[in-house]
């Protein structure tokens, strides 16, 4: 399965650092909501639980957009 992973792009490490910083700044209640939604997705993978996780991330202020803010249109 590891052989199927794409090669990292030059900006990937910076983007991961950005996401980590956002996560550290997220209030505990929002983090808990995201963690619970992620656990629900792991326990029962479905479009609904996936959407619930994305909603929780959005409410927590964590963007799913892979475009760094300085490169956004």
PDB file of N, CA and C in Angstrom:
ATOM      1  N   UNK A   1       0.815  -1.192   0.000  1.00  0.00           N
ATOM      2  CA  UNK A   1       0.000   0.000   0.000  1.00  0.00           C
ATOM      3  C   UNK A   1       0.862   1.261   0.000  1.00  0.00           C
ATOM      4  N   UNK A   2       1.998   1.228   0.651  1.00  0.00           N
ATOM      5  CA  UNK A   2       2.874   2.389   0.691  1.00  0.00           C
ATOM      6  C   UNK A   2       3.312   2.786  -0.708  1.00  0.00           C
ATOM      7  N   UNK A   3       3.484   1.825  -1.595  1.00  0.00           N
ATOM      8  CA  UNK A   3       3.924   2.131  -2.951  1.00  0.00           C
ATOM      9  C   UNK A   3       2.895   2.955  -3.718  1.00  0.00           C
ATOM     10  N   UNK A   4       1.655   3.007  -3.251  1.00  0.00           N
ATOM     11  CA  UNK A   4       0.609   3.758  -3.927  1.00  0.00           C
ATOM     12  C   UNK A   4       0.573   5.227  -3.514  1.00  0.00           C
ATOM     13  N   UNK A   5       1.352   5.602  -2.501  1.00  0.00           N
ATOM     14  CA  UNK A   5       1.345   6.983  -2.040  1.00  0.00           C
ATOM     15  C   UNK A   5       2.077   7.872  -3.032  1.00  0.00           C
ATOM     16  N   UNK A   6       1.550   9.069  -3.287  1.00  0.00           N
ATOM     17  CA  UNK A   6       2.238   9.977  -4.206  1.00  0.00           C
ATOM     18  C   UNK A   6       3.497  10.547  -3.552  1.00  0.00           C
ATOM     19  N   UNK A   7       4.407  10.982  -4.378  1.00  0.00           N
ATOM     20  CA  UNK A   7       5.610  11.645  -3.878  1.00  0.00           C
ATOM     21  C   UNK A   7       5.209  13.001  -3.297  1.00  0.00           C
ATOM     22  N   UNK A   8       5.796  13.395  -2.177  1.00  0.00           N
ATOM     23  CA  UNK A   8       5.474  14.710  -1.602  1.00  0.00           C
ATOM     24  C   UNK A   8       5.888  15.836  -2.552  1.00  0.00           C
ATOM     25  N   UNK A   9       5.110  16.875  -2.570  1.00  0.00           N
ATOM     26  CA  UNK A   9       5.428  18.060  -3.359  1.00  0.00           C
ATOM     27  C   UNK A   9       6.214  19.035  -2.485  1.00  0.00           C
ATOM     28  N   UNK A  10       6.908  19.990  -3.084  1.00  0.00           N
ATOM     29  CA  UNK A  10       7.744  20.901  -2.298  1.00  0.00           C
ATOM     30  C   UNK A  10       7.005  21.641  -1.169  1.00  0.00           C
ATOM     31  N   UNK A  11       5.758  22.004  -1.346  1.00  0.00           N
ATOM     32  CA  UNK A  11       5.041  22.765  -0.326  1.00  0.00           C
ATOM     33  C   UNK A  11       4.320  21.922   0.710  1.00  0.00           C
ATOM     34  N   UNK A  12       4.402  20.597   0.603  1.00  0.00           N
ATOM     35  CA  UNK A  12       3.637  19.726   1.502  1.00  0.00           C
ATOM     36  C   UNK A  12       4.024  19.889   2.966  1.00  0.00           C
ATOM     37  N   UNK A  13       5.316  19.957   3.261  1.00  0.00           N
ATOM     38  CA  UNK A  13       5.751  20.080   4.658  1.00  0.00           C
ATOM     39  C   UNK A  13       5.264  21.397   5.250  1.00  0.00           C
ATOM     40  N   UNK A  14       5.319  22.456   4.475  1.00  0.00           N
ATOM     41  CA  UNK A  14       4.850  23.755   4.966  1.00  0.00           C
ATOM     42  C   UNK A  14       3.349  23.715   5.238  1.00  0.00           C
ATOM     43  N   UNK A  15       2.611  23.067   4.376  1.00  0.00           N
ATOM     44  CA  UNK A  15       1.155  22.967   4.568  1.00  0.00           C
ATOM     45  C   UNK A  15       0.839  22.163   5.823  1.00  0.00           C
ATOM     46  N   UNK A  16       1.563  21.076   6.047  1.00  0.00           N
ATOM     47  CA  UNK A  16       1.349  20.287   7.264  1.00  0.00           C
ATOM     48  C   UNK A  16       1.679  21.106   8.507  1.00  0.00           C
ATOM     49  N   UNK A  17       2.726  21.921   8.435  1.00  0.00           N
ATOM     50  CA  UNK A  17       3.059  22.801   9.561  1.00  0.00           C
ATOM     51  C   UNK A  17       1.933  23.795   9.820  1.00  0.00           C
ATOM     52  N   UNK A  18       1.337  24.307   8.745  1.00  0.00           N
ATOM     53  CA  UNK A  18       0.210  25.239   8.869  1.00  0.00           C
ATOM     54  C   UNK A  18      -0.972  24.570   9.551  1.00  0.00           C
ATOM     55  N   UNK A  19      -1.302  23.364   9.112  1.00  0.00           N
ATOM     56  CA  UNK A  19      -2.419  22.631   9.713  1.00  0.00           C
ATOM     57  C   UNK A  19      -2.156  22.320  11.181  1.00  0.00           C
ATOM     58  N   UNK A  20      -0.920  21.962  11.503  1.00  0.00           N
ATOM     59  CA  UNK A  20      -0.572  21.681  12.897  1.00  0.00           C
ATOM     60  C   UNK A  20      -0.740  22.930  13.755  1.00  0.00           C
ATOM     61  N   UNK A  21      -0.347  24.075  13.236  1.00  0.00           N
ATOM     62  CA  UNK A  21      -0.507  25.328  13.978  1.00  0.00           C
ATOM     63  C   UNK A  21      -1.988  25.654  14.170  1.00  0.00           C
ATOM     64  N   UNK A  22      -2.795  25.446  13.135  1.00  0.00           N
ATOM     65  CA  UNK A  22      -4.238  25.667  13.268  1.00  0.00           C
ATOM     66  C   UNK A  22      -4.814  24.755  14.344  1.00  0.00           C
ATOM     67  N   UNK A  23      -4.397  23.499  14.355  1.00  0.00           N
ATOM     68  CA  UNK A  23      -4.913  22.529  15.323  1.00  0.00           C
ATOM     69  C   UNK A  23      -4.549  22.955  16.745  1.00  0.00           C
ATOM     70  N   UNK A  24      -3.303  23.395  16.945  1.00  0.00           N
ATOM     71  CA  UNK A  24      -2.875  23.830  18.282  1.00  0.00           C
ATOM     72  C   UNK A  24      -3.693  25.019  18.766  1.00  0.00           C
ATOM     73  N   UNK A  25      -4.122  25.882  17.850  1.00  0.00           N
ATOM     74  CA  UNK A  25      -4.887  27.076  18.215  1.00  0.00           C
ATOM     75  C   UNK A  25      -6.389  26.827  18.320  1.00  0.00           C
ATOM     76  N   UNK A  26      -6.831  25.628  17.995  1.00  0.00           N
ATOM     77  CA  UNK A  26      -8.257  25.298  18.030  1.00  0.00           C
ATOM     78  C   UNK A  26      -8.714  25.115  19.476  1.00  0.00           C
ATOM     79  N   UNK A  27      -9.848  25.716  19.847  1.00  0.00           N
ATOM     80  CA  UNK A  27     -10.361  25.552  21.216  1.00  0.00           C
ATOM     81  C   UNK A  27     -10.625  24.078  21.540  1.00  0.00           C
ATOM     82  N   UNK A  28     -10.444  23.696  22.810  1.00  0.00           N
ATOM     83  CA  UNK A  28     -10.628  22.294  23.210  1.00  0.00           C
ATOM     84  C   UNK A  28     -11.990  21.711  22.830  1.00  0.00           C
ATOM     85  N   UNK A  29     -13.053  22.494  22.929  1.00  0.00           N
ATOM     86  CA  UNK A  29     -14.380  21.961  22.594  1.00  0.00           C
ATOM     87  C   UNK A  29     -14.481  21.623  21.108  1.00  0.00           C
ATOM     88  N   UNK A  30     -13.883  22.448  20.259  1.00  0.00           N
ATOM     89  CA  UNK A  30     -13.898  22.186  18.817  1.00  0.00           C
ATOM     90  C   UNK A  30     -12.999  20.998  18.483  1.00  0.00           C
ATOM     91  N   UNK A  31     -11.875  20.876  19.184  1.00  0.00           N
ATOM     92  CA  UNK A  31     -10.992  19.727  18.965  1.00  0.00           C
ATOM     93  C   UNK A  31     -11.713  18.434  19.312  1.00  0.00           C
ATOM     94  N   UNK A  32     -12.451  18.464  20.417  1.00  0.00           N
ATOM     95  CA  UNK A  32     -13.194  17.278  20.841  1.00  0.00           C
ATOM     96  C   UNK A  32     -14.227  16.892  19.787  1.00  0.00           C
ATOM     97  N   UNK A  33     -14.914  17.893  19.240  1.00  0.00           N
ATOM     98  CA  UNK A  33     -15.913  17.611  18.202  1.00  0.00           C
ATOM     99  C   UNK A  33     -15.256  16.961  16.978  1.00  0.00           C
ATOM    100  N   UNK A  34     -14.102  17.471  16.570  1.00  0.00           N
ATOM    101  CA  UNK A  34     -13.382  16.904  15.425  1.00  0.00           C
ATOM    102  C   UNK A  34     -12.930  15.482  15.740  1.00  0.00           C
ATOM    103  N   UNK A  35     -12.390  15.274  16.937  1.00  0.00           N
ATOM    104  CA  UNK A  35     -11.923  13.935  17.322  1.00  0.00           C
ATOM    105  C   UNK A  35     -13.076  12.934  17.354  1.00  0.00           C
ATOM    106  N   UNK A  36     -14.233  13.367  17.852  1.00  0.00           N
ATOM    107  CA  UNK A  36     -15.394  12.473  17.899  1.00  0.00           C
ATOM    108  C   UNK A  36     -15.892  12.152  16.491  1.00  0.00           C
ATOM    109  N   UNK A  37     -15.906  13.148  15.620  1.00  0.00           N
ATOM    110  CA  UNK A  37     -16.337  12.916  14.236  1.00  0.00           C
ATOM    111  C   UNK A  37     -15.354  11.989  13.516  1.00  0.00           C
ATOM    112  N   UNK A  38     -14.057  12.142  13.787  1.00  0.00           N
ATOM    113  CA  UNK A  38     -13.055  11.259  13.171  1.00  0.00           C
ATOM    114  C   UNK A  38     -13.226   9.825  13.671  1.00  0.00           C
ATOM    115  N   UNK A  39     -13.504   9.675  14.959  1.00  0.00           N
ATOM    116  CA  UNK A  39     -13.723   8.332  15.517  1.00  0.00           C
ATOM    117  C   UNK A  39     -14.960   7.692  14.900  1.00  0.00           C
ATOM    118  N   UNK A  40     -16.008   8.486  14.697  1.00  0.00           N
ATOM    119  CA  UNK A  40     -17.228   7.966  14.078  1.00  0.00           C
ATOM    120  C   UNK A  40     -16.954   7.515  12.644  1.00  0.00           C
ATOM    121  N   UNK A  41     -16.131   8.268  11.929  1.00  0.00           N
ATOM    122  CA  UNK A  41     -15.780   7.898  10.552  1.00  0.00           C
ATOM    123  C   UNK A  41     -14.970   6.604  10.526  1.00  0.00           C
ATOM    124  N   UNK A  42     -14.029   6.461  11.459  1.00  0.00           N
ATOM    125  CA  UNK A  42     -13.241   5.224  11.514  1.00  0.00           C
ATOM    126  C   UNK A  42     -14.129   4.025  11.845  1.00  0.00           C
ATOM    127  N   UNK A  43     -15.080   4.228  12.757  1.00  0.00           N
ATOM    128  CA  UNK A  43     -15.950   3.127  13.186  1.00  0.00           C
ATOM    129  C   UNK A  43     -16.968   2.750  12.119  1.00  0.00           C
ATOM    130  N   UNK A  44     -17.418   3.739  11.349  1.00  0.00           N
ATOM    131  CA  UNK A  44     -18.476   3.504  10.372  1.00  0.00           C
ATOM    132  C   UNK A  44     -18.230   4.384   9.143  1.00  0.00           C
ATOM    133  N   UNK A  45     -17.289   3.995   8.279  1.00  0.00           N
ATOM    134  CA  UNK A  45     -17.002   4.811   7.100  1.00  0.00           C
ATOM    135  C   UNK A  45     -18.223   4.910   6.180  1.00  0.00           C
ATOM    136  N   UNK A  46     -18.643   6.125   5.928  1.00  0.00           N
ATOM    137  CA  UNK A  46     -19.774   6.360   5.035  1.00  0.00           C
ATOM    138  C   UNK A  46     -19.719   7.807   4.566  1.00  0.00           C
ATOM    139  N   UNK A  47     -20.465   8.130   3.521  1.00  0.00           N
ATOM    140  CA  UNK A  47     -20.512   9.525   3.088  1.00  0.00           C
ATOM    141  C   UNK A  47     -21.012  10.453   4.204  1.00  0.00           C
ATOM    142  N   UNK A  48     -21.942   9.964   5.006  1.00  0.00           N
ATOM    143  CA  UNK A  48     -22.502  10.795   6.073  1.00  0.00           C
ATOM    144  C   UNK A  48     -21.468  11.092   7.155  1.00  0.00           C
ATOM    145  N   UNK A  49     -20.721  10.055   7.585  1.00  0.00           N
ATOM    146  CA  UNK A  49     -19.729  10.300   8.630  1.00  0.00           C
ATOM    147  C   UNK A  49     -18.551  11.104   8.081  1.00  0.00           C
ATOM    148  N   UNK A  50     -18.245  10.936   6.807  1.00  0.00           N
ATOM    149  CA  UNK A  50     -17.211  11.760   6.176  1.00  0.00           C
ATOM    150  C   UNK A  50     -17.632  13.219   6.128  1.00  0.00           C
ATOM    151  N   UNK A  51     -18.882  13.459   5.756  1.00  0.00           N
ATOM    152  CA  UNK A  51     -19.399  14.829   5.710  1.00  0.00           C
ATOM    153  C   UNK A  51     -19.438  15.440   7.107  1.00  0.00           C
ATOM    154  N   UNK A  52     -19.783  14.629   8.108  1.00  0.00           N
ATOM    155  CA  UNK A  52     -19.826  15.130   9.487  1.00  0.00           C
ATOM    156  C   UNK A  52     -18.432  15.559   9.945  1.00  0.00           C
ATOM    157  N   UNK A  53     -17.405  14.805   9.557  1.00  0.00           N
ATOM    158  CA  UNK A  53     -16.035  15.189   9.910  1.00  0.00           C
ATOM    159  C   UNK A  53     -15.649  16.484   9.207  1.00  0.00           C
ATOM    160  N   UNK A  54     -15.960  16.596   7.933  1.00  0.00           N
ATOM    161  CA  UNK A  54     -15.639  17.834   7.211  1.00  0.00           C
ATOM    162  C   UNK A  54     -16.358  19.027   7.829  1.00  0.00           C
ATOM    163  N   UNK A  55     -17.619  18.838   8.236  1.00  0.00           N
ATOM    164  CA  UNK A  55     -18.369  19.912   8.893  1.00  0.00           C
ATOM    165  C   UNK A  55     -17.712  20.311  10.210  1.00  0.00           C
ATOM    166  N   UNK A  56     -17.291  19.320  10.995  1.00  0.00           N
ATOM    167  CA  UNK A  56     -16.637  19.602  12.278  1.00  0.00           C
ATOM    168  C   UNK A  56     -15.328  20.361  12.053  1.00  0.00           C
ATOM    169  N   UNK A  57     -14.570  19.958  11.044  1.00  0.00           N
ATOM    170  CA  UNK A  57     -13.326  20.665  10.730  1.00  0.00           C
ATOM    171  C   UNK A  57     -13.612  22.104  10.317  1.00  0.00           C
ATOM    172  N   UNK A  58     -14.632  22.299   9.504  1.00  0.00           N
ATOM    173  CA  UNK A  58     -14.999  23.641   9.057  1.00  0.00           C
ATOM    174  C   UNK A  58     -15.400  24.509  10.245  1.00  0.00           C
ATOM    175  N   UNK A  59     -16.234  23.948  11.143  1.00  0.00           N
ATOM    176  CA  UNK A  59     -16.656  24.713  12.322  1.00  0.00           C
ATOM    177  C   UNK A  59     -15.470  25.048  13.223  1.00  0.00           C
ATOM    178  N   UNK A  60     -14.476  24.172  13.236  1.00  0.00           N
ATOM    179  CA  UNK A  60     -13.282  24.401  14.056  1.00  0.00           C
ATOM    180  C   UNK A  60     -12.341  25.423  13.412  1.00  0.00           C
ATOM    181  N   UNK A  61     -12.644  25.799  12.173  1.00  0.00           N
ATOM    182  CA  UNK A  61     -11.812  26.776  11.486  1.00  0.00           C
ATOM    183  C   UNK A  61     -10.606  26.170  10.797  1.00  0.00           C
ATOM    184  N   UNK A  62     -10.641  24.855  10.612  1.00  0.00           N
ATOM    185  CA  UNK A  62      -9.538  24.172   9.941  1.00  0.00           C
ATOM    186  C   UNK A  62      -9.946  23.934   8.497  1.00  0.00           C
ATOM    187  N   UNK A  63      -9.219  24.553   7.611  1.00  0.00           N
ATOM    188  CA  UNK A  63      -9.558  24.519   6.196  1.00  0.00           C
ATOM    189  C   UNK A  63      -9.130  23.216   5.547  1.00  0.00           C
ATOM    190  N   UNK A  64      -9.973  22.694   4.684  1.00  0.00           N
ATOM    191  CA  UNK A  64      -9.619  21.525   3.895  1.00  0.00           C
ATOM    192  C   UNK A  64      -8.971  21.921   2.587  1.00  0.00           C
ATOM    193  N   UNK A  65      -8.825  23.221   2.368  1.00  0.00           N
ATOM    194  CA  UNK A  65      -8.231  23.732   1.144  1.00  0.00           C
ATOM    195  C   UNK A  65      -6.727  23.509   1.178  1.00  0.00           C
ATOM    196  N   UNK A  66      -6.206  22.860   0.174  1.00  0.00           N
ATOM    197  CA  UNK A  66      -4.775  22.560   0.128  1.00  0.00           C
ATOM    198  C   UNK A  66      -3.955  23.726  -0.409  1.00  0.00           C
ATOM    199  N   UNK A  67      -4.610  24.815  -0.824  1.00  0.00           N
ATOM    200  CA  UNK A  67      -3.888  25.956  -1.360  1.00  0.00           C
ATOM    201  C   UNK A  67      -3.413  26.841  -0.216  1.00  0.00           C
ATOM    202  N   UNK A  68      -2.114  27.062  -0.087  1.00  0.00           N
ATOM    203  CA  UNK A  68      -1.633  27.956   0.961  1.00  0.00           C
ATOM    204  C   UNK A  68      -2.249  29.342   0.797  1.00  0.00           C
ATOM    205  N   UNK A  69      -2.567  30.025   1.911  1.00  0.00           N
ATOM    206  CA  UNK A  69      -3.231  31.330   1.827  1.00  0.00           C
ATOM    207  C   UNK A  69      -2.500  32.331   0.943  1.00  0.00           C
ATOM    208  N   UNK A  70      -1.164  32.303   0.929  1.00  0.00           N
ATOM    209  CA  UNK A  70      -0.427  33.267   0.114  1.00  0.00           C
ATOM    210  C   UNK A  70      -0.479  32.947  -1.378  1.00  0.00           C
ATOM    211  N   UNK A  71      -1.054  31.786  -1.736  1.00  0.00           N
ATOM    212  CA  UNK A  71      -1.178  31.411  -3.144  1.00  0.00           C
ATOM    213  C   UNK A  71      -2.632  31.327  -3.590  1.00  0.00           C
ATOM    214  N   UNK A  72      -3.551  31.690  -2.703  1.00  0.00           N
ATOM    215  CA  UNK A  72      -4.980  31.625  -3.038  1.00  0.00           C
ATOM    216  C   UNK A  72      -5.306  32.687  -4.079  1.00  0.00           C
ATOM    217  N   UNK A  73      -6.299  32.407  -4.925  1.00  0.00           N
ATOM    218  CA  UNK A  73      -6.663  33.388  -5.966  1.00  0.00           C
ATOM    219  C   UNK A  73      -7.235  34.656  -5.377  1.00  0.00           C
TER     220      UNK A  73
END
